[in-house]
Structures are given as structure tokens and as C-alpha cells.
Amino acid sequence: MEFDNYIIKQVCEEDADNYFSLIDNNRKRLEDFFAGTVLKTKTQEDTKLFVSEIIKKSEAKTYLAFVIVDTSTQQLIGYIDVKSIDWNIPKAELGCFIDEKYAGQGISSKALSKITEYCFDVLKFNKLFLRTHQDNISSQRIAEKNGFEVEGVIRRDYKTTKGELVDLIYYGKLRNSNQ
């Protein structure tokens, strides 16, 4: 999947070192809402194991992991995952983050658009959803810009790394928006 001078591709073993750098450079801002990822990528060795795990999950189609690559530098600048997959519905949750240096440039929004299109057209999901903290205004804007609608606020739905239970805004999008 391509847009502007970026590509979105599935994570592969060769991405492990660059993925570690992406996480490490953004660790502080990711620790509360990408807690599992941050926890499993403390060292380059940990990250290699984590990447191997997510590749196995991708092969089993229980979790799909993608990276956003800046084609001018070949650096990984973002991550998108398709998780909580329920093939019976079929539906999935989307999650994403972008390197702080690339934030606010519309890259996340375009990447989410491409992944949404892929999930509906190729994977044939009927519904996609995402969750965001009420203070994460940029994620809310990205969701709404991509046609996701607020379905509600789920109270005390997520535990941060500090142990705080927080409310999350749920956004959903159907394959055919007229359904």
C-alpha cells in the first residue's frame, strides 16, 4: 500500500532493529496505550522475539502488524495493527502510532485510510473499530476524518501502565456506511 512517499507493509524479521528504534524513540509517549508493545520491546533481543511472535500471529490471521516506511529514508516511522479479530462477524480493531517527528502531517490519517480500505476490500471485514482516550484529540480527528463514528464511551475499559483505569471512546465503521 502506498501514498505520497510512504509505504505500508507487513512487518518482517528484517524490521526488528528499526522497529526497536521506532519504539525506543517514542517509548515515553507510547507506554500508556501501547503498553504490551512497549513492555515486549525493551531491548533489541526482546524486539526480535516480539517481531517473530507477531509474524506467527499474522500467518495464523489472528493479528496483523504493519509498518509505515518513509521511502526517502527507508526508516520505519509508524505502526498499524489489526487486532481483536473476530472472523465470525467478521470485524477487527485498528491501532496505530506514528513517530513523534512525523506527527501532525496527515500521515496517520492517510495510513489509516489505506489500512481501512485493505481491511474492507481484501480481508472482507464487515466492521472496523478503534478505541481512543478522551484526551487524545488527534486520534479522534483521524478516526472522524476517515469516516469512523462514535459508538459510545466505555467506562473504565483500559488499564494504563500506571494501573489507572480509564474510559475509552469507541469508534466504528461499517464496510457499507449506509448499513
N, C-alpha and C. Protein backbone atom coordinates (compact mmCIF):
# COMPACT_ATOMS: atom_id res chain seq x y z
N MET A 1 0.86 -1.16 0.00
CA MET A 1 0.00 0.00 0.00
C MET A 1 0.90 1.23 0.00
N GLU A 2 0.61 2.16 -0.86
CA GLU A 2 1.45 3.34 -0.99
C GLU A 2 0.63 4.62 -0.97
N PHE A 3 1.24 5.68 -0.48
CA PHE A 3 0.70 7.03 -0.57
C PHE A 3 1.86 7.99 -0.38
N ASP A 4 1.78 9.12 -1.07
CA ASP A 4 2.84 10.14 -1.03
C ASP A 4 4.20 9.43 -1.14
N ASN A 5 5.13 9.67 -0.24
CA ASN A 5 6.40 8.94 -0.30
C ASN A 5 6.52 7.97 0.89
N TYR A 6 5.42 7.24 1.13
CA TYR A 6 5.36 6.27 2.21
C TYR A 6 4.78 4.96 1.68
N ILE A 7 5.20 3.87 2.30
CA ILE A 7 4.57 2.58 2.02
C ILE A 7 4.15 1.97 3.35
N ILE A 8 3.12 1.14 3.28
CA ILE A 8 2.66 0.37 4.42
C ILE A 8 2.88 -1.08 4.03
N LYS A 9 3.61 -1.80 4.86
CA LYS A 9 3.90 -3.19 4.56
C LYS A 9 3.80 -4.01 5.84
N GLN A 10 3.58 -5.30 5.66
CA GLN A 10 3.53 -6.17 6.84
C GLN A 10 4.92 -6.25 7.45
N VAL A 11 4.95 -6.37 8.75
CA VAL A 11 6.20 -6.47 9.49
C VAL A 11 6.91 -7.77 9.08
N CYS A 12 8.24 -7.68 8.91
CA CYS A 12 9.05 -8.86 8.63
C CYS A 12 10.25 -8.88 9.58
N GLU A 13 10.93 -10.01 9.64
CA GLU A 13 12.06 -10.18 10.56
C GLU A 13 13.11 -9.08 10.41
N GLU A 14 13.34 -8.65 9.18
CA GLU A 14 14.36 -7.63 8.91
C GLU A 14 14.01 -6.26 9.51
N ASP A 15 12.77 -6.09 9.92
CA ASP A 15 12.33 -4.82 10.50
C ASP A 15 12.67 -4.68 11.99
N ALA A 16 13.12 -5.75 12.62
CA ALA A 16 13.26 -5.77 14.08
C ALA A 16 14.12 -4.64 14.63
N ASP A 17 15.29 -4.41 14.06
CA ASP A 17 16.17 -3.36 14.59
C ASP A 17 15.55 -1.97 14.43
N ASN A 18 15.01 -1.70 13.24
CA ASN A 18 14.36 -0.40 13.02
C ASN A 18 13.09 -0.25 13.85
N TYR A 19 12.39 -1.36 14.08
CA TYR A 19 11.20 -1.31 14.91
C TYR A 19 11.58 -0.98 16.35
N PHE A 20 12.67 -1.58 16.82
CA PHE A 20 13.15 -1.25 18.16
C PHE A 20 13.45 0.25 18.26
N SER A 21 14.11 0.80 17.27
CA SER A 21 14.43 2.24 17.28
C SER A 21 13.17 3.09 17.30
N LEU A 22 12.18 2.70 16.50
CA LEU A 22 10.91 3.44 16.47
C LEU A 22 10.27 3.45 17.86
N ILE A 23 10.20 2.28 18.49
CA ILE A 23 9.60 2.20 19.83
C ILE A 23 10.44 2.96 20.84
N ASP A 24 11.74 2.74 20.81
CA ASP A 24 12.63 3.34 21.79
C ASP A 24 12.58 4.87 21.72
N ASN A 25 12.51 5.41 20.52
CA ASN A 25 12.44 6.87 20.34
C ASN A 25 11.11 7.46 20.80
N ASN A 26 10.10 6.62 20.93
CA ASN A 26 8.75 7.09 21.29
C ASN A 26 8.22 6.41 22.55
N ARG A 27 9.10 5.73 23.26
CA ARG A 27 8.71 4.90 24.40
C ARG A 27 7.84 5.64 25.41
N LYS A 28 8.24 6.82 25.80
CA LYS A 28 7.52 7.57 26.83
C LYS A 28 6.09 7.88 26.40
N ARG A 29 5.91 8.31 25.16
CA ARG A 29 4.56 8.67 24.73
C ARG A 29 3.69 7.46 24.39
N LEU A 30 4.31 6.28 24.24
CA LEU A 30 3.55 5.07 23.91
C LEU A 30 3.23 4.21 25.12
N GLU A 31 3.92 4.43 26.24
CA GLU A 31 3.85 3.47 27.33
C GLU A 31 2.45 3.24 27.91
N ASP A 32 1.59 4.23 27.90
CA ASP A 32 0.27 4.02 28.49
C ASP A 32 -0.70 3.28 27.57
N PHE A 33 -0.65 3.54 26.26
CA PHE A 33 -1.68 2.97 25.40
C PHE A 33 -1.16 1.94 24.40
N PHE A 34 0.13 1.69 24.40
CA PHE A 34 0.72 0.57 23.68
C PHE A 34 1.58 -0.19 24.68
N ALA A 35 1.00 -0.43 25.84
CA ALA A 35 1.73 -0.99 26.98
C ALA A 35 2.36 -2.34 26.66
N GLY A 36 1.62 -3.22 26.02
CA GLY A 36 2.15 -4.54 25.69
C GLY A 36 3.32 -4.46 24.74
N THR A 37 3.19 -3.62 23.74
CA THR A 37 4.27 -3.44 22.77
C THR A 37 5.51 -2.88 23.46
N VAL A 38 5.34 -1.86 24.26
CA VAL A 38 6.47 -1.24 24.95
C VAL A 38 7.13 -2.23 25.89
N LEU A 39 6.33 -3.01 26.59
CA LEU A 39 6.85 -3.98 27.54
C LEU A 39 7.67 -5.07 26.85
N LYS A 40 7.23 -5.48 25.67
CA LYS A 40 7.88 -6.59 24.96
C LYS A 40 9.03 -6.15 24.06
N THR A 41 9.37 -4.86 24.09
CA THR A 41 10.44 -4.35 23.20
C THR A 41 11.46 -3.53 23.97
N LYS A 42 11.81 -3.98 25.16
CA LYS A 42 12.75 -3.21 25.98
C LYS A 42 14.17 -3.25 25.45
N THR A 43 14.55 -4.34 24.79
CA THR A 43 15.89 -4.47 24.21
C THR A 43 15.74 -4.90 22.75
N GLN A 44 16.84 -4.85 22.02
CA GLN A 44 16.79 -5.30 20.63
C GLN A 44 16.49 -6.80 20.57
N GLU A 45 17.02 -7.57 21.51
CA GLU A 45 16.74 -9.01 21.54
C GLU A 45 15.26 -9.26 21.80
N ASP A 46 14.70 -8.55 22.79
CA ASP A 46 13.26 -8.66 23.08
C ASP A 46 12.45 -8.34 21.83
N THR A 47 12.87 -7.31 21.13
CA THR A 47 12.14 -6.85 19.94
C THR A 47 12.17 -7.90 18.85
N LYS A 48 13.30 -8.57 18.67
CA LYS A 48 13.38 -9.64 17.67
C LYS A 48 12.41 -10.76 17.99
N LEU A 49 12.30 -11.11 19.26
CA LEU A 49 11.34 -12.15 19.67
C LEU A 49 9.91 -11.67 19.44
N PHE A 50 9.64 -10.41 19.79
CA PHE A 50 8.31 -9.83 19.61
C PHE A 50 7.93 -9.84 18.13
N VAL A 51 8.85 -9.42 17.27
CA VAL A 51 8.57 -9.40 15.83
C VAL A 51 8.29 -10.82 15.34
N SER A 52 9.06 -11.80 15.80
CA SER A 52 8.81 -13.20 15.41
C SER A 52 7.42 -13.65 15.84
N GLU A 53 7.03 -13.26 17.05
CA GLU A 53 5.69 -13.61 17.56
C GLU A 53 4.59 -13.01 16.69
N ILE A 54 4.73 -11.73 16.35
CA ILE A 54 3.64 -11.10 15.59
C ILE A 54 3.60 -11.62 14.15
N ILE A 55 4.73 -12.05 13.63
CA ILE A 55 4.73 -12.66 12.29
C ILE A 55 3.96 -13.99 12.33
N LYS A 56 4.18 -14.77 13.38
CA LYS A 56 3.44 -16.04 13.53
C LYS A 56 1.94 -15.77 13.65
N LYS A 57 1.58 -14.74 14.43
CA LYS A 57 0.16 -14.40 14.57
C LYS A 57 -0.42 -13.93 13.24
N SER A 58 0.38 -13.20 12.45
CA SER A 58 -0.07 -12.75 11.13
C SER A 58 -0.32 -13.95 10.22
N GLU A 59 0.58 -14.92 10.26
CA GLU A 59 0.41 -16.13 9.45
C GLU A 59 -0.85 -16.88 9.84
N ALA A 60 -1.19 -16.85 11.12
CA ALA A 60 -2.40 -17.50 11.62
C ALA A 60 -3.64 -16.63 11.44
N LYS A 61 -3.43 -15.39 10.99
CA LYS A 61 -4.51 -14.41 10.78
C LYS A 61 -5.28 -14.08 12.06
N THR A 62 -4.55 -14.10 13.18
CA THR A 62 -5.17 -13.71 14.45
C THR A 62 -4.75 -12.30 14.86
N TYR A 63 -3.75 -11.77 14.20
CA TYR A 63 -3.23 -10.43 14.48
C TYR A 63 -2.39 -10.04 13.27
N LEU A 64 -2.59 -8.84 12.77
CA LEU A 64 -1.83 -8.38 11.60
C LEU A 64 -1.08 -7.11 11.96
N ALA A 65 0.21 -7.09 11.65
CA ALA A 65 1.06 -5.96 12.02
C ALA A 65 1.67 -5.35 10.77
N PHE A 66 1.59 -4.04 10.69
CA PHE A 66 2.12 -3.30 9.55
C PHE A 66 3.02 -2.17 10.04
N VAL A 67 3.98 -1.81 9.22
CA VAL A 67 4.81 -0.64 9.50
C VAL A 67 4.64 0.35 8.37
N ILE A 68 4.81 1.62 8.73
CA ILE A 68 4.81 2.70 7.74
C ILE A 68 6.27 3.06 7.53
N VAL A 69 6.68 3.07 6.26
CA VAL A 69 8.07 3.32 5.91
C VAL A 69 8.16 4.60 5.09
N ASP A 70 9.07 5.48 5.47
CA ASP A 70 9.38 6.68 4.69
C ASP A 70 10.31 6.22 3.58
N THR A 71 9.86 6.25 2.33
CA THR A 71 10.66 5.72 1.22
C THR A 71 11.88 6.58 0.91
N SER A 72 11.89 7.82 1.36
CA SER A 72 13.06 8.66 1.10
C SER A 72 14.22 8.33 2.04
N THR A 73 13.92 7.75 3.22
CA THR A 73 14.97 7.40 4.18
C THR A 73 15.01 5.91 4.50
N GLN A 74 13.98 5.17 4.09
CA GLN A 74 13.81 3.75 4.40
C GLN A 74 13.66 3.50 5.90
N GLN A 75 13.27 4.53 6.65
CA GLN A 75 13.08 4.40 8.09
C GLN A 75 11.62 4.05 8.40
N LEU A 76 11.45 3.24 9.45
CA LEU A 76 10.11 2.96 9.94
C LEU A 76 9.66 4.16 10.74
N ILE A 77 8.50 4.69 10.38
CA ILE A 77 8.02 5.90 11.05
C ILE A 77 6.69 5.69 11.76
N GLY A 78 6.11 4.50 11.59
CA GLY A 78 4.82 4.26 12.23
C GLY A 78 4.46 2.80 12.24
N TYR A 79 3.42 2.48 12.95
CA TYR A 79 2.97 1.10 13.15
C TYR A 79 1.46 1.09 13.15
N ILE A 80 0.91 0.08 12.50
CA ILE A 80 -0.55 -0.11 12.49
C ILE A 80 -0.80 -1.59 12.77
N ASP A 81 -1.72 -1.87 13.67
CA ASP A 81 -2.08 -3.26 13.87
C ASP A 81 -3.57 -3.47 13.72
N VAL A 82 -3.89 -4.67 13.28
CA VAL A 82 -5.26 -5.14 13.13
C VAL A 82 -5.38 -6.25 14.16
N LYS A 83 -6.17 -6.00 15.19
CA LYS A 83 -6.20 -6.91 16.34
C LYS A 83 -7.64 -7.19 16.76
N SER A 84 -7.78 -7.98 17.80
CA SER A 84 -9.12 -8.37 18.28
C SER A 84 -9.97 -8.86 17.11
N ILE A 85 -9.34 -9.64 16.25
CA ILE A 85 -10.00 -10.12 15.04
C ILE A 85 -11.05 -11.17 15.41
N ASP A 86 -12.24 -10.98 14.90
CA ASP A 86 -13.33 -11.94 15.06
C ASP A 86 -13.82 -12.29 13.66
N TRP A 87 -13.37 -13.43 13.16
CA TRP A 87 -13.72 -13.84 11.80
C TRP A 87 -15.18 -14.27 11.68
N ASN A 88 -15.87 -14.52 12.79
CA ASN A 88 -17.28 -14.90 12.74
C ASN A 88 -18.16 -13.73 12.32
N ILE A 89 -17.79 -12.51 12.65
CA ILE A 89 -18.62 -11.34 12.37
C ILE A 89 -18.50 -10.92 10.89
N PRO A 90 -17.42 -10.75 10.27
CA PRO A 90 -16.04 -10.52 10.68
C PRO A 90 -15.77 -9.04 10.99
N LYS A 91 -14.97 -8.84 12.05
CA LYS A 91 -14.63 -7.49 12.48
C LYS A 91 -13.25 -7.49 13.11
N ALA A 92 -12.69 -6.29 13.27
CA ALA A 92 -11.38 -6.16 13.90
C ALA A 92 -11.19 -4.75 14.44
N GLU A 93 -10.26 -4.64 15.36
CA GLU A 93 -9.87 -3.35 15.93
C GLU A 93 -8.59 -2.87 15.25
N LEU A 94 -8.51 -1.58 15.02
CA LEU A 94 -7.30 -0.99 14.46
C LEU A 94 -6.60 -0.17 15.54
N GLY A 95 -5.28 -0.19 15.50
CA GLY A 95 -4.47 0.64 16.38
C GLY A 95 -3.31 1.19 15.57
N CYS A 96 -2.87 2.38 15.89
CA CYS A 96 -1.73 2.92 15.16
C CYS A 96 -1.01 3.98 15.97
N PHE A 97 0.27 4.14 15.63
CA PHE A 97 1.03 5.26 16.17
C PHE A 97 2.07 5.68 15.15
N ILE A 98 2.51 6.90 15.28
CA ILE A 98 3.49 7.48 14.36
C ILE A 98 4.62 8.08 15.18
N ASP A 99 5.80 8.05 14.62
CA ASP A 99 6.95 8.68 15.27
C ASP A 99 6.62 10.15 15.52
N GLU A 100 7.02 10.63 16.68
CA GLU A 100 6.70 12.00 17.08
C GLU A 100 7.15 13.03 16.04
N LYS A 101 8.28 12.77 15.37
CA LYS A 101 8.79 13.71 14.36
C LYS A 101 7.87 13.82 13.15
N TYR A 102 7.02 12.82 12.94
CA TYR A 102 6.13 12.80 11.78
C TYR A 102 4.68 13.14 12.14
N ALA A 103 4.42 13.34 13.41
CA ALA A 103 3.05 13.62 13.86
C ALA A 103 2.56 14.96 13.32
N GLY A 104 1.27 15.04 13.10
CA GLY A 104 0.65 16.29 12.67
C GLY A 104 0.82 16.61 11.20
N GLN A 105 1.28 15.64 10.40
CA GLN A 105 1.49 15.87 8.97
C GLN A 105 0.46 15.17 8.09
N GLY A 106 -0.52 14.52 8.71
CA GLY A 106 -1.56 13.82 7.95
C GLY A 106 -1.18 12.41 7.54
N ILE A 107 -0.02 11.95 7.94
CA ILE A 107 0.44 10.61 7.55
C ILE A 107 -0.41 9.53 8.21
N SER A 108 -0.69 9.68 9.49
CA SER A 108 -1.51 8.69 10.20
C SER A 108 -2.89 8.57 9.57
N SER A 109 -3.46 9.70 9.22
CA SER A 109 -4.80 9.70 8.62
C SER A 109 -4.80 8.97 7.28
N LYS A 110 -3.81 9.24 6.45
CA LYS A 110 -3.73 8.57 5.15
C LYS A 110 -3.43 7.09 5.32
N ALA A 111 -2.57 6.75 6.27
CA ALA A 111 -2.26 5.35 6.52
C ALA A 111 -3.49 4.60 7.01
N LEU A 112 -4.25 5.22 7.92
CA LEU A 112 -5.47 4.59 8.41
C LEU A 112 -6.46 4.37 7.28
N SER A 113 -6.54 5.33 6.37
CA SER A 113 -7.42 5.20 5.21
C SER A 113 -7.03 3.99 4.36
N LYS A 114 -5.74 3.82 4.12
CA LYS A 114 -5.25 2.69 3.32
C LYS A 114 -5.52 1.35 4.01
N ILE A 115 -5.27 1.29 5.30
CA ILE A 115 -5.50 0.04 6.04
C ILE A 115 -6.99 -0.28 6.10
N THR A 116 -7.81 0.74 6.29
CA THR A 116 -9.27 0.54 6.31
C THR A 116 -9.74 -0.04 4.98
N GLU A 117 -9.27 0.55 3.90
CA GLU A 117 -9.60 0.07 2.56
C GLU A 117 -9.16 -1.39 2.40
N TYR A 118 -7.95 -1.71 2.81
CA TYR A 118 -7.42 -3.07 2.72
C TYR A 118 -8.28 -4.04 3.55
N CYS A 119 -8.63 -3.64 4.76
CA CYS A 119 -9.44 -4.50 5.63
C CYS A 119 -10.82 -4.78 5.05
N PHE A 120 -11.43 -3.78 4.44
CA PHE A 120 -12.75 -3.97 3.86
C PHE A 120 -12.67 -4.69 2.51
N ASP A 121 -11.78 -4.27 1.63
CA ASP A 121 -11.75 -4.79 0.26
C ASP A 121 -11.03 -6.13 0.13
N VAL A 122 -9.95 -6.32 0.85
CA VAL A 122 -9.17 -7.55 0.72
C VAL A 122 -9.54 -8.58 1.79
N LEU A 123 -9.56 -8.15 3.04
CA LEU A 123 -9.85 -9.08 4.14
C LEU A 123 -11.35 -9.30 4.33
N LYS A 124 -12.16 -8.43 3.75
CA LYS A 124 -13.62 -8.56 3.77
C LYS A 124 -14.24 -8.43 5.16
N PHE A 125 -13.63 -7.60 6.00
CA PHE A 125 -14.24 -7.32 7.29
C PHE A 125 -15.52 -6.53 7.06
N ASN A 126 -16.53 -6.77 7.89
CA ASN A 126 -17.77 -6.01 7.83
C ASN A 126 -17.72 -4.78 8.71
N LYS A 127 -16.89 -4.85 9.76
CA LYS A 127 -16.81 -3.73 10.69
C LYS A 127 -15.39 -3.58 11.19
N LEU A 128 -14.99 -2.33 11.34
CA LEU A 128 -13.72 -1.98 11.96
C LEU A 128 -14.03 -1.04 13.11
N PHE A 129 -13.24 -1.14 14.17
CA PHE A 129 -13.41 -0.22 15.28
C PHE A 129 -12.06 0.17 15.83
N LEU A 130 -12.05 1.26 16.54
CA LEU A 130 -10.85 1.69 17.24
C LEU A 130 -11.26 2.36 18.52
N ARG A 131 -10.32 2.38 19.45
CA ARG A 131 -10.58 2.97 20.76
C ARG A 131 -9.54 4.03 21.01
N THR A 132 -9.95 5.11 21.66
CA THR A 132 -9.00 6.16 21.99
C THR A 132 -9.38 6.81 23.31
N HIS A 133 -8.37 7.30 23.98
CA HIS A 133 -8.59 8.01 25.23
C HIS A 133 -9.24 9.36 24.92
N GLN A 134 -10.07 9.83 25.82
CA GLN A 134 -10.79 11.10 25.59
C GLN A 134 -9.86 12.30 25.44
N ASP A 135 -8.64 12.21 25.95
CA ASP A 135 -7.69 13.32 25.81
C ASP A 135 -6.91 13.28 24.49
N ASN A 136 -7.01 12.18 23.76
CA ASN A 136 -6.25 12.03 22.52
C ASN A 136 -7.05 12.62 21.35
N ILE A 137 -7.04 13.92 21.28
CA ILE A 137 -7.82 14.66 20.28
C ILE A 137 -7.36 14.33 18.87
N SER A 138 -6.05 14.17 18.66
CA SER A 138 -5.56 13.89 17.31
C SER A 138 -6.07 12.54 16.81
N SER A 139 -6.12 11.53 17.66
CA SER A 139 -6.66 10.23 17.24
C SER A 139 -8.15 10.33 16.94
N GLN A 140 -8.86 11.13 17.71
CA GLN A 140 -10.29 11.32 17.45
C GLN A 140 -10.50 11.98 16.09
N ARG A 141 -9.68 12.98 15.78
CA ARG A 141 -9.79 13.66 14.47
C ARG A 141 -9.48 12.71 13.33
N ILE A 142 -8.45 11.89 13.50
CA ILE A 142 -8.07 10.93 12.46
C ILE A 142 -9.21 9.94 12.23
N ALA A 143 -9.80 9.44 13.30
CA ALA A 143 -10.92 8.50 13.17
C ALA A 143 -12.08 9.14 12.43
N GLU A 144 -12.46 10.34 12.84
CA GLU A 144 -13.60 11.02 12.22
C GLU A 144 -13.31 11.40 10.77
N LYS A 145 -12.10 11.81 10.49
CA LYS A 145 -11.71 12.15 9.12
C LYS A 145 -11.83 10.94 8.19
N ASN A 146 -11.67 9.74 8.77
CA ASN A 146 -11.75 8.51 7.99
C ASN A 146 -13.14 7.86 8.05
N GLY A 147 -14.13 8.60 8.51
CA GLY A 147 -15.50 8.10 8.47
C GLY A 147 -15.90 7.19 9.62
N PHE A 148 -15.07 7.09 10.65
CA PHE A 148 -15.45 6.33 11.84
C PHE A 148 -16.39 7.19 12.67
N GLU A 149 -17.39 6.54 13.24
CA GLU A 149 -18.38 7.26 14.04
C GLU A 149 -18.28 6.81 15.50
N VAL A 150 -18.52 7.76 16.39
CA VAL A 150 -18.52 7.43 17.81
C VAL A 150 -19.68 6.48 18.09
N GLU A 151 -19.37 5.36 18.71
CA GLU A 151 -20.40 4.40 19.09
C GLU A 151 -20.70 4.48 20.58
N GLY A 152 -19.79 5.11 21.32
CA GLY A 152 -20.02 5.28 22.74
C GLY A 152 -18.72 5.41 23.51
N VAL A 153 -18.89 5.66 24.78
CA VAL A 153 -17.77 5.72 25.70
C VAL A 153 -17.90 4.51 26.61
N ILE A 154 -16.86 3.72 26.63
CA ILE A 154 -16.86 2.55 27.51
C ILE A 154 -16.06 2.92 28.75
N ARG A 155 -16.74 2.89 29.87
CA ARG A 155 -16.13 3.34 31.12
C ARG A 155 -15.16 2.31 31.68
N ARG A 156 -14.06 2.83 32.17
CA ARG A 156 -13.02 2.01 32.81
C ARG A 156 -12.72 0.77 31.98
N ASP A 157 -12.40 1.00 30.73
CA ASP A 157 -12.21 -0.08 29.77
C ASP A 157 -10.75 -0.46 29.55
N TYR A 158 -9.83 0.32 30.07
CA TYR A 158 -8.40 0.07 29.80
C TYR A 158 -7.58 0.44 31.03
N LYS A 159 -6.58 -0.39 31.30
CA LYS A 159 -5.68 -0.11 32.42
C LYS A 159 -4.35 0.37 31.86
N THR A 160 -3.94 1.57 32.24
CA THR A 160 -2.67 2.11 31.79
C THR A 160 -1.52 1.40 32.52
N THR A 161 -0.30 1.66 32.08
CA THR A 161 0.85 1.04 32.73
C THR A 161 0.98 1.49 34.18
N LYS A 162 0.40 2.63 34.51
CA LYS A 162 0.43 3.12 35.90
C LYS A 162 -0.68 2.49 36.74
N GLY A 163 -1.50 1.64 36.11
CA GLY A 163 -2.57 0.97 36.83
C GLY A 163 -3.87 1.74 36.88
N GLU A 164 -3.94 2.87 36.21
CA GLU A 164 -5.15 3.69 36.22
C GLU A 164 -6.16 3.12 35.22
N LEU A 165 -7.40 2.97 35.67
CA LEU A 165 -8.48 2.55 34.77
C LEU A 165 -9.06 3.79 34.11
N VAL A 166 -9.12 3.77 32.78
CA VAL A 166 -9.58 4.96 32.05
C VAL A 166 -10.72 4.60 31.11
N ASP A 167 -11.51 5.61 30.82
CA ASP A 167 -12.59 5.48 29.85
C ASP A 167 -12.01 5.60 28.44
N LEU A 168 -12.63 4.89 27.49
CA LEU A 168 -12.21 4.98 26.10
C LEU A 168 -13.41 5.28 25.22
N ILE A 169 -13.17 6.10 24.22
CA ILE A 169 -14.18 6.38 23.21
C ILE A 169 -14.05 5.31 22.13
N TYR A 170 -15.16 4.65 21.83
CA TYR A 170 -15.19 3.64 20.77
C TYR A 170 -15.71 4.27 19.49
N TYR A 171 -14.96 4.03 18.42
CA TYR A 171 -15.36 4.46 17.08
C TYR A 171 -15.56 3.22 16.23
N GLY A 172 -16.58 3.24 15.37
CA GLY A 172 -16.81 2.12 14.47
C GLY A 172 -17.06 2.59 13.06
N LYS A 173 -16.78 1.70 12.13
CA LYS A 173 -17.06 1.96 10.72
C LYS A 173 -17.48 0.66 10.07
N LEU A 174 -18.57 0.70 9.31
CA LEU A 174 -19.07 -0.46 8.60
C LEU A 174 -18.57 -0.45 7.16
N ARG A 175 -18.45 -1.63 6.58
CA ARG A 175 -17.98 -1.72 5.19
C ARG A 175 -18.84 -0.86 4.28
N ASN A 176 -20.12 -1.00 4.40
CA ASN A 176 -21.04 -0.15 3.63
C ASN A 176 -21.63 0.84 4.62
N SER A 177 -21.22 2.09 4.52
CA SER A 177 -21.61 3.08 5.53
C SER A 177 -23.12 3.33 5.58
N ASN A 178 -23.88 2.83 4.59
CA ASN A 178 -25.33 3.02 4.61
C ASN A 178 -26.04 1.90 5.35
N GLN A 179 -25.28 1.02 6.01
CA GLN A 179 -25.91 -0.09 6.76
C GLN A 179 -26.23 0.33 8.17
